[in-house]
Protein backbone atom coordinates (compact mmCIF):
# COMPACT_ATOMS: atom_id res chain seq x y z
CA VAL A 1 -25.16 -12.49 -14.27
CA MET A 2 -26.94 -9.38 -15.90
CA GLU A 3 -30.25 -10.52 -14.49
CA LEU A 4 -28.91 -9.89 -10.91
CA CYS A 5 -28.12 -6.39 -12.11
CA ALA A 6 -31.48 -4.89 -12.41
CA GLY A 7 -30.44 -1.42 -11.05
CA GLY A 8 -28.44 -0.80 -14.62
CA ASP A 9 -25.01 0.61 -14.77
CA LEU A 10 -23.17 3.70 -12.85
CA ASP A 11 -23.19 5.66 -15.85
CA LYS A 12 -26.98 5.47 -16.75
CA HIS A 13 -27.95 5.85 -12.82
CA MET A 14 -25.97 9.10 -12.77
CA LYS A 15 -27.55 10.71 -15.70
CA GLY A 16 -31.10 9.62 -14.66
CA GLN A 17 -30.49 11.10 -11.17
CA GLY A 18 -30.54 14.63 -12.42
CA GLY A 19 -27.66 15.81 -10.70
CA PRO A 20 -24.26 15.07 -8.95
CA TYR A 21 -24.21 12.81 -6.16
CA SER A 22 -23.78 14.03 -2.51
CA GLU A 23 -20.65 13.91 -0.98
CA HIS A 24 -21.99 11.02 1.22
CA GLN A 25 -23.28 9.05 -1.84
CA ALA A 26 -20.06 9.56 -3.64
CA ALA A 27 -17.81 8.17 -0.68
CA ILE A 28 -20.24 5.12 -0.46
CA LEU A 29 -19.78 4.57 -4.09
CA MET A 30 -16.14 4.98 -4.15
CA ASP A 31 -15.59 2.72 -1.21
CA GLN A 32 -17.63 -0.16 -2.68
CA ILE A 33 -15.70 0.11 -6.11
CA LEU A 34 -12.28 0.27 -4.19
CA LYS A 35 -13.08 -2.68 -2.58
CA ALA A 36 -14.42 -4.74 -5.59
CA VAL A 37 -11.35 -3.73 -7.59
CA SER A 38 -8.94 -4.64 -4.46
CA TYR A 39 -10.66 -7.70 -4.44
CA LEU A 40 -10.10 -8.79 -7.89
CA HIS A 41 -6.54 -7.73 -7.78
CA ASP A 42 -5.56 -9.06 -4.31
CA CYS A 43 -7.45 -11.94 -3.77
CA LYS A 44 -8.18 -13.17 -7.31
CA SER A 45 -4.99 -11.96 -9.36
CA ILE A 46 -7.39 -9.99 -11.86
CA CYS A 47 -6.65 -6.97 -13.46
CA HIS A 48 -9.74 -5.11 -14.72
CA ARG A 49 -8.52 -3.04 -17.81
CA ASP A 50 -11.73 -1.62 -18.73
CA LEU A 51 -13.03 0.45 -15.43
CA LYS A 52 -15.48 2.73 -16.53
CA LEU A 53 -18.70 3.79 -15.32
CA GLN A 54 -20.72 1.44 -17.88
CA ASN A 55 -19.15 -1.36 -16.02
CA PHE A 56 -20.29 -0.75 -12.40
CA LEU A 57 -23.52 -2.32 -12.29
CA PHE A 58 -26.32 -2.05 -9.56
CA SER A 59 -28.06 -4.79 -8.19
CA ARG A 60 -31.60 -2.86 -8.11
CA LYS A 61 -32.92 0.43 -8.93
CA ALA A 62 -32.87 2.32 -5.60
CA PRO A 63 -30.90 5.39 -3.93
CA VAL A 64 -27.04 4.65 -3.82
CA GLU A 65 -27.18 4.06 0.12
CA ASN A 66 -29.72 1.30 -0.71
CA ASN A 67 -27.48 -0.45 -3.51
CA VAL A 68 -24.51 -1.41 -1.64
C-alpha cells in the first residue's frame, strides 16, 4: 500500500508547505478525513485508534486540491 502513497503523510506535507493551509484547503482535507473515518466505522466496523497527522497519507505530491 505504501508504494501507492508517494505524496507522504499529512504531517510532512504541512511542515513542507511553509505555512498553514487556507480555509479552502483545510475544508477539503477535513471532508476527506471525515469521510474516510466514517466509512471505516459505519461500513467496515473498524475503529481506528491512532488518528494522527502521520497516519493520513497522500497519493501524490501535489497541492491539496489535486490530492483528493
